[in-house]
Amino acid sequence: MSRWWRTAATLSLGAGLGVSASRLWTPATSAEDQEDGLLGRVPAVPVPRIHASQVTVSPGSSGALMKYGFPSLSNVRTRESYVSSYDPRTRTPSWVIERLSGASLSGTADRKLCDFKEDDSVHVFHRATNTDYRGSGLDRGHMAAAANHKWSQKAMDDTFYLSNVVPQNPHLNQNAWNNLEKLCRSLTKSYTNVYVCTGPLYLPRQEANGKLYVRYQVVGRNHVAVPTHFFKVLILERAEGEGVELRSYVLPNEPVDEKIPLERFLVPIESIERASGLLFVPNIMKRSGSLRAITAK
């Protein structure tokens, strides 16, 4: 079995079909899984030295956000606080990119003043509505997190467009996923900038006949797709232009035991690129000109 299919099979354990909603997902810890990279290597790439005096853009500037390029070029949208690519077939984003720093996390924006809302820039045929989520038992899960953008009320408001939202298991959204978002914010204390790319995945699962299928639920009149998994790709800029670290996580869209360390959900970036149809490493290579691997702690 190839490396990719072993990884996909591991990530697809308990993907939802035939699994009780109360069952907590636990990642496999076999020697094969660890050799295959679940806890393995993450790339680090050097970047040109940039002095603070050269940076004159706001936390949500699209120029700053897209420093490392676009994972794809379909239906790209720019908001106050993030840039995204929208998938009209699933009624959800394909990816959302944010740039976190001490500046973006500081401010007086109030989540209580925000409401989830339809995205009028999306054709009504391809748009999710709040009614689609009503009674589904699923949360409206932010891809660009509201708490990441306290620097501006408009920036936080923009995270409540339903084009930035994906149906998410409530236990995951309020626990392990929330912890991963908190981790991203905490990394701004150690890194100059934290670029975060988040999105849904629809991974294959092997069924009784031995064949692989990609199957997922849809909710509401508009058939909003419910992902099997979610990814986060972090590009971490070190201070004084000393280089960049790359971390990539995949979590299943189901209850996850909070006792499991988030490091256990680290995966090879290539597995996300293959599963999502997106590309990250080539963009970083173009920006930096070189790439080397380091071992994740």
C-alpha atoms as a PDB file:
ATOM      1  CA  MET A   1       0.000   0.000   0.000  1.00  0.00           C
ATOM      2  CA  SER A   2       1.396   3.396  -0.966  1.00  0.00           C
ATOM      3  CA  ARG A   3       2.264   6.028   1.617  1.00  0.00           C
ATOM      4  CA  TRP A   4      -0.652   8.213   0.575  1.00  0.00           C
ATOM      5  CA  TRP A   5      -3.297   5.512   0.827  1.00  0.00           C
ATOM      6  CA  ARG A   6      -2.002   4.378   4.230  1.00  0.00           C
ATOM      7  CA  THR A   7      -2.255   8.002   5.391  1.00  0.00           C
ATOM      8  CA  ALA A   8      -5.719   8.466   3.894  1.00  0.00           C
ATOM      9  CA  ALA A   9      -6.937   5.235   5.468  1.00  0.00           C
ATOM     10  CA  THR A  10      -5.607   6.293   8.850  1.00  0.00           C
ATOM     11  CA  LEU A  11      -7.202   9.746   8.607  1.00  0.00           C
ATOM     12  CA  SER A  12     -10.496   8.187   7.508  1.00  0.00           C
ATOM     13  CA  LEU A  13     -10.922   5.993  10.593  1.00  0.00           C
ATOM     14  CA  GLY A  14     -14.317   6.669  12.104  1.00  0.00           C
ATOM     15  CA  ALA A  15     -15.156   9.155   9.358  1.00  0.00           C
ATOM     16  CA  GLY A  16     -18.784   9.145  10.382  1.00  0.00           C
ATOM     17  CA  LEU A  17     -20.674   6.474   8.411  1.00  0.00           C
ATOM     18  CA  GLY A  18     -21.915   3.821  10.790  1.00  0.00           C
ATOM     19  CA  VAL A  19     -20.144   5.411  13.766  1.00  0.00           C
ATOM     20  CA  SER A  20     -22.059   6.582  16.820  1.00  0.00           C
ATOM     21  CA  ALA A  21     -21.980  10.350  17.292  1.00  0.00           C
ATOM     22  CA  SER A  22     -21.068   9.831  20.951  1.00  0.00           C
ATOM     23  CA  ARG A  23     -17.949   7.851  20.117  1.00  0.00           C
ATOM     24  CA  LEU A  24     -14.702   9.759  20.502  1.00  0.00           C
ATOM     25  CA  TRP A  25     -12.171   9.461  17.692  1.00  0.00           C
ATOM     26  CA  THR A  26      -8.668   8.329  18.662  1.00  0.00           C
ATOM     27  CA  PRO A  27      -5.845   8.423  16.085  1.00  0.00           C
ATOM     28  CA  ALA A  28      -3.977   5.208  15.411  1.00  0.00           C
ATOM     29  CA  THR A  29      -0.535   4.935  17.000  1.00  0.00           C
ATOM     30  CA  SER A  30       0.996   1.924  15.283  1.00  0.00           C
ATOM     31  CA  ALA A  31       4.634   1.908  14.282  1.00  0.00           C
ATOM     32  CA  GLU A  32       3.559   2.014  10.635  1.00  0.00           C
ATOM     33  CA  ASP A  33       1.511   5.183  11.225  1.00  0.00           C
ATOM     34  CA  GLN A  34       4.416   6.928  12.911  1.00  0.00           C
ATOM     35  CA  GLU A  35       6.838   5.910  10.166  1.00  0.00           C
ATOM     36  CA  ASP A  36       4.320   7.121   7.604  1.00  0.00           C
ATOM     37  CA  GLY A  37       4.527  10.669   8.898  1.00  0.00           C
ATOM     38  CA  LEU A  38       1.516  11.329  11.152  1.00  0.00           C
ATOM     39  CA  LEU A  39       4.004  12.471  13.767  1.00  0.00           C
ATOM     40  CA  GLY A  40       6.782  12.902  11.281  1.00  0.00           C
ATOM     41  CA  ARG A  41       8.393  15.735   9.411  1.00  0.00           C
ATOM     42  CA  VAL A  42       7.354  19.316   8.785  1.00  0.00           C
ATOM     43  CA  PRO A  43       9.219  21.563   6.359  1.00  0.00           C
ATOM     44  CA  ALA A  44      11.157  24.677   7.319  1.00  0.00           C
ATOM     45  CA  VAL A  45      12.131  27.179   4.671  1.00  0.00           C
ATOM     46  CA  PRO A  46      14.286  30.311   4.878  1.00  0.00           C
ATOM     47  CA  VAL A  47      12.719  33.606   3.844  1.00  0.00           C
ATOM     48  CA  PRO A  48      14.286  36.981   3.036  1.00  0.00           C
ATOM     49  CA  ARG A  49      14.958  39.240   6.014  1.00  0.00           C
ATOM     50  CA  ILE A  50      12.179  41.802   6.447  1.00  0.00           C
ATOM     51  CA  HIS A  51      12.506  44.708   8.850  1.00  0.00           C
ATOM     52  CA  ALA A  52       9.501  46.034  10.753  1.00  0.00           C
ATOM     53  CA  SER A  53       9.964  49.440   9.105  1.00  0.00           C
ATOM     54  CA  GLN A  54       9.174  47.831   5.747  1.00  0.00           C
ATOM     55  CA  VAL A  55       5.773  46.550   6.863  1.00  0.00           C
ATOM     56  CA  THR A  56       3.092  49.211   6.417  1.00  0.00           C
ATOM     57  CA  VAL A  57       0.018  47.051   5.725  1.00  0.00           C
ATOM     58  CA  SER A  58      -2.953  46.452   8.019  1.00  0.00           C
ATOM     59  CA  PRO A  59      -3.450  43.012   9.637  1.00  0.00           C
ATOM     60  CA  GLY A  60      -6.062  42.103   7.015  1.00  0.00           C
ATOM     61  CA  SER A  61      -4.331  43.462   3.906  1.00  0.00           C
ATOM     62  CA  SER A  62      -4.759  41.022   1.004  1.00  0.00           C
ATOM     63  CA  GLY A  63      -1.204  41.762  -0.105  1.00  0.00           C
ATOM     64  CA  ALA A  64       0.137  40.662   3.254  1.00  0.00           C
ATOM     65  CA  LEU A  65      -2.230  37.702   3.488  1.00  0.00           C
ATOM     66  CA  MET A  66      -1.215  36.230   0.140  1.00  0.00           C
ATOM     67  CA  LYS A  67       2.535  36.591   0.621  1.00  0.00           C
ATOM     68  CA  TYR A  68       2.985  32.871  -0.042  1.00  0.00           C
ATOM     69  CA  GLY A  69       0.585  32.681  -2.962  1.00  0.00           C
ATOM     70  CA  PHE A  70      -2.835  31.180  -3.623  1.00  0.00           C
ATOM     71  CA  PRO A  71      -3.524  27.465  -2.964  1.00  0.00           C
ATOM     72  CA  SER A  72      -5.947  27.667  -5.920  1.00  0.00           C
ATOM     73  CA  LEU A  73      -7.432  30.414  -8.098  1.00  0.00           C
ATOM     74  CA  SER A  74     -11.142  29.485  -8.239  1.00  0.00           C
ATOM     75  CA  ASN A  75     -13.763  31.948  -6.954  1.00  0.00           C
ATOM     76  CA  VAL A  76     -11.329  33.947  -4.832  1.00  0.00           C
ATOM     77  CA  ARG A  77     -12.892  36.502  -2.478  1.00  0.00           C
ATOM     78  CA  THR A  78     -11.220  39.189  -0.381  1.00  0.00           C
ATOM     79  CA  ARG A  79     -12.632  40.318   2.938  1.00  0.00           C
ATOM     80  CA  GLU A  80     -11.472  42.724   5.611  1.00  0.00           C
ATOM     81  CA  SER A  81      -9.879  39.931   7.623  1.00  0.00           C
ATOM     82  CA  TYR A  82      -9.194  37.038   5.240  1.00  0.00           C
ATOM     83  CA  VAL A  83      -8.995  35.789   1.651  1.00  0.00           C
ATOM     84  CA  SER A  84     -10.968  32.721   0.590  1.00  0.00           C
ATOM     85  CA  SER A  85     -11.859  30.476  -2.312  1.00  0.00           C
ATOM     86  CA  TYR A  86     -15.541  29.534  -2.475  1.00  0.00           C
ATOM     87  CA  ASP A  87     -16.863  26.213  -3.794  1.00  0.00           C
ATOM     88  CA  PRO A  88     -20.398  26.723  -5.200  1.00  0.00           C
ATOM     89  CA  ARG A  89     -20.963  22.960  -5.387  1.00  0.00           C
ATOM     90  CA  THR A  90     -20.537  22.364  -1.655  1.00  0.00           C
ATOM     91  CA  ARG A  91     -21.796  25.834  -0.556  1.00  0.00           C
ATOM     92  CA  THR A  92     -18.666  26.135   1.602  1.00  0.00           C
ATOM     93  CA  PRO A  93     -15.177  27.602   1.213  1.00  0.00           C
ATOM     94  CA  SER A  94     -12.438  25.460  -0.323  1.00  0.00           C
ATOM     95  CA  TRP A  95      -9.855  27.360   1.726  1.00  0.00           C
ATOM     96  CA  VAL A  96      -9.543  30.468   3.857  1.00  0.00           C
ATOM     97  CA  ILE A  97      -6.276  32.282   4.622  1.00  0.00           C
ATOM     98  CA  GLU A  98      -5.642  34.573   7.605  1.00  0.00           C
ATOM     99  CA  ARG A  99      -2.536  36.292   8.943  1.00  0.00           C
ATOM    100  CA  LEU A 100      -2.287  36.361  12.723  1.00  0.00           C
ATOM    101  CA  SER A 101      -0.025  38.617  14.722  1.00  0.00           C
ATOM    102  CA  GLY A 102      -0.070  40.463  17.999  1.00  0.00           C
ATOM    103  CA  ALA A 103      -1.748  43.361  16.196  1.00  0.00           C
ATOM    104  CA  SER A 104      -4.593  41.295  14.721  1.00  0.00           C
ATOM    105  CA  LEU A 105      -5.384  39.696  18.082  1.00  0.00           C
ATOM    106  CA  SER A 106      -5.573  43.031  19.914  1.00  0.00           C
ATOM    107  CA  GLY A 107      -8.593  45.300  19.820  1.00  0.00           C
ATOM    108  CA  THR A 108     -12.139  45.911  21.007  1.00  0.00           C
ATOM    109  CA  ALA A 109     -14.214  44.024  18.413  1.00  0.00           C
ATOM    110  CA  ASP A 110     -17.158  42.288  20.114  1.00  0.00           C
ATOM    111  CA  ARG A 111     -18.461  38.899  18.940  1.00  0.00           C
ATOM    112  CA  LYS A 112     -21.845  39.676  20.517  1.00  0.00           C
ATOM    113  CA  LEU A 113     -22.378  42.324  17.844  1.00  0.00           C
ATOM    114  CA  CYS A 114     -21.957  39.794  15.011  1.00  0.00           C
ATOM    115  CA  ASP A 115     -24.606  37.640  13.315  1.00  0.00           C
ATOM    116  CA  PHE A 116     -24.271  34.838  10.795  1.00  0.00           C
ATOM    117  CA  LYS A 117     -25.421  36.085   7.394  1.00  0.00           C
ATOM    118  CA  GLU A 118     -25.779  35.016   3.787  1.00  0.00           C
ATOM    119  CA  ASP A 119     -23.108  36.095   1.337  1.00  0.00           C
ATOM    120  CA  ASP A 120     -24.882  38.237  -1.259  1.00  0.00           C
ATOM    121  CA  SER A 121     -21.839  38.003  -3.547  1.00  0.00           C
ATOM    122  CA  VAL A 122     -22.681  34.312  -4.091  1.00  0.00           C
ATOM    123  CA  HIS A 123     -25.452  33.456  -6.569  1.00  0.00           C
ATOM    124  CA  VAL A 124     -28.638  32.438  -4.767  1.00  0.00           C
ATOM    125  CA  PHE A 125     -28.452  28.967  -6.383  1.00  0.00           C
ATOM    126  CA  HIS A 126     -25.068  28.337  -4.763  1.00  0.00           C
ATOM    127  CA  ARG A 127     -25.508  30.088  -1.436  1.00  0.00           C
ATOM    128  CA  ALA A 128     -25.890  28.638   2.064  1.00  0.00           C
ATOM    129  CA  THR A 129     -28.501  30.122   4.402  1.00  0.00           C
ATOM    130  CA  ASN A 130     -29.004  30.011   8.149  1.00  0.00           C
ATOM    131  CA  THR A 131     -32.094  27.890   7.563  1.00  0.00           C
ATOM    132  CA  ASP A 132     -29.899  25.158   6.083  1.00  0.00           C
ATOM    133  CA  TYR A 133     -28.209  24.701   9.461  1.00  0.00           C
ATOM    134  CA  ARG A 134     -31.398  24.856  11.532  1.00  0.00           C
ATOM    135  CA  GLY A 135     -32.228  21.475  13.048  1.00  0.00           C
ATOM    136  CA  SER A 136     -29.162  19.822  11.504  1.00  0.00           C
ATOM    137  CA  GLY A 137     -27.454  19.173  14.832  1.00  0.00           C
ATOM    138  CA  LEU A 138     -24.300  20.761  13.382  1.00  0.00           C
ATOM    139  CA  ASP A 139     -22.544  24.000  14.263  1.00  0.00           C
ATOM    140  CA  ARG A 140     -21.804  26.814  11.848  1.00  0.00           C
ATOM    141  CA  GLY A 141     -18.066  26.335  12.078  1.00  0.00           C
ATOM    142  CA  HIS A 142     -15.844  29.312  11.213  1.00  0.00           C
ATOM    143  CA  MET A 143     -12.885  28.643   8.958  1.00  0.00           C
ATOM    144  CA  ALA A 144     -11.426  32.105   9.640  1.00  0.00           C
ATOM    145  CA  ALA A 145     -12.049  32.280  13.393  1.00  0.00           C
ATOM    146  CA  ALA A 146     -13.810  35.341  14.791  1.00  0.00           C
ATOM    147  CA  ALA A 147     -11.443  35.561  17.769  1.00  0.00           C
ATOM    148  CA  ASN A 148      -8.500  35.963  15.378  1.00  0.00           C
ATOM    149  CA  HIS A 149      -9.684  39.428  14.325  1.00  0.00           C
ATOM    150  CA  LYS A 150     -10.304  41.605  17.342  1.00  0.00           C
ATOM    151  CA  TRP A 151      -8.411  44.431  15.637  1.00  0.00           C
ATOM    152  CA  SER A 152     -11.533  45.594  13.753  1.00  0.00           C
ATOM    153  CA  GLN A 153     -15.270  45.148  14.232  1.00  0.00           C
ATOM    154  CA  LYS A 154     -15.669  44.980  10.443  1.00  0.00           C
ATOM    155  CA  ALA A 155     -12.961  42.316  10.278  1.00  0.00           C
ATOM    156  CA  MET A 156     -14.741  40.208  12.884  1.00  0.00           C
ATOM    157  CA  ASP A 157     -18.140  40.811  11.227  1.00  0.00           C
ATOM    158  CA  ASP A 158     -16.775  39.456   7.943  1.00  0.00           C
ATOM    159  CA  THR A 159     -15.962  36.107   9.540  1.00  0.00           C
ATOM    160  CA  PHE A 160     -19.724  35.567  10.020  1.00  0.00           C
ATOM    161  CA  TYR A 161     -20.501  35.331   6.308  1.00  0.00           C
ATOM    162  CA  LEU A 162     -21.806  31.816   5.651  1.00  0.00           C
ATOM    163  CA  SER A 163     -19.262  31.600   2.828  1.00  0.00           C
ATOM    164  CA  ASN A 164     -16.680  31.352   5.654  1.00  0.00           C
ATOM    165  CA  VAL A 165     -18.669  28.654   7.454  1.00  0.00           C
ATOM    166  CA  VAL A 166     -18.810  24.860   7.202  1.00  0.00           C
ATOM    167  CA  PRO A 167     -21.129  22.359   8.968  1.00  0.00           C
ATOM    168  CA  GLN A 168     -19.095  21.118  11.931  1.00  0.00           C
ATOM    169  CA  ASN A 169     -19.682  18.559  14.645  1.00  0.00           C
ATOM    170  CA  PRO A 170     -20.510  20.554  17.815  1.00  0.00           C
ATOM    171  CA  HIS A 171     -18.211  18.527  20.069  1.00  0.00           C
ATOM    172  CA  LEU A 172     -15.306  19.042  17.673  1.00  0.00           C
ATOM    173  CA  ASN A 173     -16.054  22.733  17.128  1.00  0.00           C
ATOM    174  CA  GLN A 174     -16.308  23.567  20.806  1.00  0.00           C
ATOM    175  CA  ASN A 175     -13.417  21.440  22.044  1.00  0.00           C
ATOM    176  CA  ALA A 176     -10.500  20.055  19.998  1.00  0.00           C
ATOM    177  CA  TRP A 177     -10.986  22.441  17.047  1.00  0.00           C
ATOM    178  CA  ASN A 178     -11.299  25.377  19.417  1.00  0.00           C
ATOM    179  CA  ASN A 179      -8.061  24.248  21.075  1.00  0.00           C
ATOM    180  CA  LEU A 180      -6.334  24.197  17.685  1.00  0.00           C
ATOM    181  CA  GLU A 181      -7.522  27.757  17.001  1.00  0.00           C
ATOM    182  CA  LYS A 182      -6.189  28.806  20.418  1.00  0.00           C
ATOM    183  CA  LEU A 183      -2.870  27.165  19.579  1.00  0.00           C
ATOM    184  CA  CYS A 184      -2.653  29.217  16.375  1.00  0.00           C
ATOM    185  CA  ARG A 185      -3.176  32.398  18.366  1.00  0.00           C
ATOM    186  CA  SER A 186      -0.641  31.399  21.023  1.00  0.00           C
ATOM    187  CA  LEU A 187       2.020  30.898  18.349  1.00  0.00           C
ATOM    188  CA  THR A 188       2.008  34.657  17.688  1.00  0.00           C
ATOM    189  CA  LYS A 189       3.993  34.961  20.937  1.00  0.00           C
ATOM    190  CA  SER A 190       6.852  32.953  19.411  1.00  0.00           C
ATOM    191  CA  TYR A 191       6.617  33.916  15.725  1.00  0.00           C
ATOM    192  CA  THR A 192       6.423  37.264  13.955  1.00  0.00           C
ATOM    193  CA  ASN A 193       3.500  36.218  11.754  1.00  0.00           C
ATOM    194  CA  VAL A 194       1.312  33.120  11.709  1.00  0.00           C
ATOM    195  CA  TYR A 195      -0.324  32.455   8.335  1.00  0.00           C
ATOM    196  CA  VAL A 196      -3.259  30.059   8.697  1.00  0.00           C
ATOM    197  CA  CYS A 197      -4.980  28.272   5.808  1.00  0.00           C
ATOM    198  CA  THR A 198      -8.083  26.308   6.817  1.00  0.00           C
ATOM    199  CA  GLY A 199     -10.589  24.258   4.876  1.00  0.00           C
ATOM    200  CA  PRO A 200     -12.735  21.137   4.547  1.00  0.00           C
ATOM    201  CA  LEU A 201     -11.691  17.709   3.290  1.00  0.00           C
ATOM    202  CA  TYR A 202     -13.721  14.860   1.812  1.00  0.00           C
ATOM    203  CA  LEU A 203     -11.602  11.753   2.348  1.00  0.00           C
ATOM    204  CA  PRO A 204     -12.256   8.258   0.984  1.00  0.00           C
ATOM    205  CA  ARG A 205     -13.276   5.381   3.191  1.00  0.00           C
ATOM    206  CA  GLN A 206     -12.967   1.704   2.408  1.00  0.00           C
ATOM    207  CA  GLU A 207     -16.290  -0.092   2.663  1.00  0.00           C
ATOM    208  CA  ALA A 208     -17.318  -3.734   3.040  1.00  0.00           C
ATOM    209  CA  ASN A 209     -16.811  -4.539  -0.650  1.00  0.00           C
ATOM    210  CA  GLY A 210     -13.178  -3.455  -0.411  1.00  0.00           C
ATOM    211  CA  LYS A 211     -13.677  -0.378  -2.601  1.00  0.00           C
ATOM    212  CA  LEU A 212     -12.986   3.238  -1.618  1.00  0.00           C
ATOM    213  CA  TYR A 213     -15.831   5.761  -1.621  1.00  0.00           C
ATOM    214  CA  VAL A 214     -16.089   9.465  -0.868  1.00  0.00           C
ATOM    215  CA  ARG A 215     -19.448   9.921   0.832  1.00  0.00           C
ATOM    216  CA  TYR A 216     -20.663  12.856   2.881  1.00  0.00           C
ATOM    217  CA  GLN A 217     -23.885  14.225   4.296  1.00  0.00           C
ATOM    218  CA  VAL A 218     -25.610  17.366   3.016  1.00  0.00           C
ATOM    219  CA  VAL A 219     -27.898  19.579   5.088  1.00  0.00           C
ATOM    220  CA  GLY A 220     -30.741  21.969   4.349  1.00  0.00           C
ATOM    221  CA  ARG A 221     -32.642  22.891   1.220  1.00  0.00           C
ATOM    222  CA  ASN A 222     -29.401  24.047  -0.415  1.00  0.00           C
ATOM    223  CA  HIS A 223     -27.588  20.770   0.304  1.00  0.00           C
ATOM    224  CA  VAL A 224     -24.652  22.272   2.160  1.00  0.00           C
ATOM    225  CA  ALA A 225     -21.872  19.662   2.234  1.00  0.00           C
ATOM    226  CA  VAL A 226     -20.704  18.235   5.567  1.00  0.00           C
ATOM    227  CA  PRO A 227     -16.956  17.484   5.320  1.00  0.00           C
ATOM    228  CA  THR A 228     -15.469  14.272   6.619  1.00  0.00           C
ATOM    229  CA  HIS A 229     -12.396  16.147   7.912  1.00  0.00           C
ATOM    230  CA  PHE A 230     -10.836  19.608   8.265  1.00  0.00           C
ATOM    231  CA  PHE A 231      -7.285  20.817   7.677  1.00  0.00           C
ATOM    232  CA  LYS A 232      -5.154  23.679   8.966  1.00  0.00           C
ATOM    233  CA  VAL A 233      -1.854  24.592   7.350  1.00  0.00           C
ATOM    234  CA  LEU A 234       0.321  26.974   9.384  1.00  0.00           C
ATOM    235  CA  ILE A 235       3.195  29.000   7.939  1.00  0.00           C
ATOM    236  CA  LEU A 236       5.173  30.334  10.890  1.00  0.00           C
ATOM    237  CA  GLU A 237       7.566  33.216  10.260  1.00  0.00           C
ATOM    238  CA  ARG A 238      10.449  33.407  12.683  1.00  0.00           C
ATOM    239  CA  ALA A 239      11.748  36.727  13.944  1.00  0.00           C
ATOM    240  CA  GLU A 240      14.414  38.675  12.063  1.00  0.00           C
ATOM    241  CA  GLY A 241      13.951  36.718   8.850  1.00  0.00           C
ATOM    242  CA  GLU A 242      15.448  33.543  10.341  1.00  0.00           C
ATOM    243  CA  GLY A 243      13.149  31.261   8.370  1.00  0.00           C
ATOM    244  CA  VAL A 244       9.722  29.674   8.221  1.00  0.00           C
ATOM    245  CA  GLU A 245       8.252  26.551   9.792  1.00  0.00           C
ATOM    246  CA  LEU A 246       5.371  24.698   8.170  1.00  0.00           C
ATOM    247  CA  ARG A 247       2.873  22.643  10.191  1.00  0.00           C
ATOM    248  CA  SER A 248      -0.207  20.868   8.860  1.00  0.00           C
ATOM    249  CA  TYR A 249      -3.064  19.309  10.816  1.00  0.00           C
ATOM    250  CA  VAL A 250      -6.065  17.156   9.896  1.00  0.00           C
ATOM    251  CA  LEU A 251      -8.957  16.484  12.292  1.00  0.00           C
ATOM    252  CA  PRO A 252     -12.056  14.349  11.612  1.00  0.00           C
ATOM    253  CA  ASN A 253     -15.452  16.037  11.642  1.00  0.00           C
ATOM    254  CA  GLU A 254     -16.678  14.138  14.694  1.00  0.00           C
ATOM    255  CA  PRO A 255     -16.123  14.111  18.453  1.00  0.00           C
ATOM    256  CA  VAL A 256     -12.434  14.060  19.360  1.00  0.00           C
ATOM    257  CA  ASP A 257     -11.096  13.352  22.838  1.00  0.00           C
ATOM    258  CA  GLU A 258      -9.564  16.571  24.160  1.00  0.00           C
ATOM    259  CA  LYS A 259      -6.939  14.533  26.004  1.00  0.00           C
ATOM    260  CA  ILE A 260      -5.289  13.661  22.689  1.00  0.00           C
ATOM    261  CA  PRO A 261      -2.391  16.098  22.077  1.00  0.00           C
ATOM    262  CA  LEU A 262      -2.862  18.214  18.960  1.00  0.00           C
ATOM    263  CA  GLU A 263       0.592  17.068  17.804  1.00  0.00           C
ATOM    264  CA  ARG A 264      -0.991  13.688  17.130  1.00  0.00           C
ATOM    265  CA  PHE A 265      -2.970  15.278  14.283  1.00  0.00           C
ATOM    266  CA  LEU A 266       0.101  16.527  12.414  1.00  0.00           C
ATOM    267  CA  VAL A 267       0.213  15.047   8.908  1.00  0.00           C
ATOM    268  CA  PRO A 268       2.512  15.376   5.891  1.00  0.00           C
ATOM    269  CA  ILE A 269       1.571  18.491   3.916  1.00  0.00           C
ATOM    270  CA  GLU A 270       1.559  16.365   0.756  1.00  0.00           C
ATOM    271  CA  SER A 271      -1.423  14.362   2.060  1.00  0.00           C
ATOM    272  CA  ILE A 272      -3.492  17.544   2.344  1.00  0.00           C
ATOM    273  CA  GLU A 273      -2.387  18.743  -1.098  1.00  0.00           C
ATOM    274  CA  ARG A 274      -3.391  15.429  -2.669  1.00  0.00           C
ATOM    275  CA  ALA A 275      -6.740  15.215  -0.880  1.00  0.00           C
ATOM    276  CA  SER A 276      -7.790  18.835  -1.379  1.00  0.00           C
ATOM    277  CA  GLY A 277      -6.442  19.574  -4.860  1.00  0.00           C
ATOM    278  CA  LEU A 278      -4.611  22.571  -3.380  1.00  0.00           C
ATOM    279  CA  LEU A 279      -0.900  23.389  -3.511  1.00  0.00           C
ATOM    280  CA  PHE A 280       1.112  25.028  -0.741  1.00  0.00           C
ATOM    281  CA  VAL A 281       4.740  23.924  -1.010  1.00  0.00           C
ATOM    282  CA  PRO A 282       5.330  25.159  -4.605  1.00  0.00           C
ATOM    283  CA  ASN A 283       4.190  28.640  -3.558  1.00  0.00           C
ATOM    284  CA  ILE A 284       6.592  28.684  -0.625  1.00  0.00           C
ATOM    285  CA  MET A 285       9.366  27.386  -2.865  1.00  0.00           C
ATOM    286  CA  LYS A 286       8.796  30.272  -5.287  1.00  0.00           C
ATOM    287  CA  ARG A 287       8.909  32.740  -2.427  1.00  0.00           C
ATOM    288  CA  SER A 288      11.944  31.300  -0.639  1.00  0.00           C
ATOM    289  CA  GLY A 289      13.861  29.438  -3.348  1.00  0.00           C
ATOM    290  CA  SER A 290      14.670  26.450  -1.120  1.00  0.00           C
ATOM    291  CA  LEU A 291      13.093  23.892   1.175  1.00  0.00           C
ATOM    292  CA  ARG A 292      14.419  21.653   3.922  1.00  0.00           C
ATOM    293  CA  ALA A 293      12.758  19.243   6.335  1.00  0.00           C
ATOM    294  CA  ILE A 294      12.926  19.231  10.105  1.00  0.00           C
ATOM    295  CA  THR A 295      11.471  16.772  12.616  1.00  0.00           C
ATOM    296  CA  ALA A 296       8.325  17.838  14.451  1.00  0.00           C
ATOM    297  CA  LYS A 297       8.577  17.836  18.234  1.00  0.00           C
END
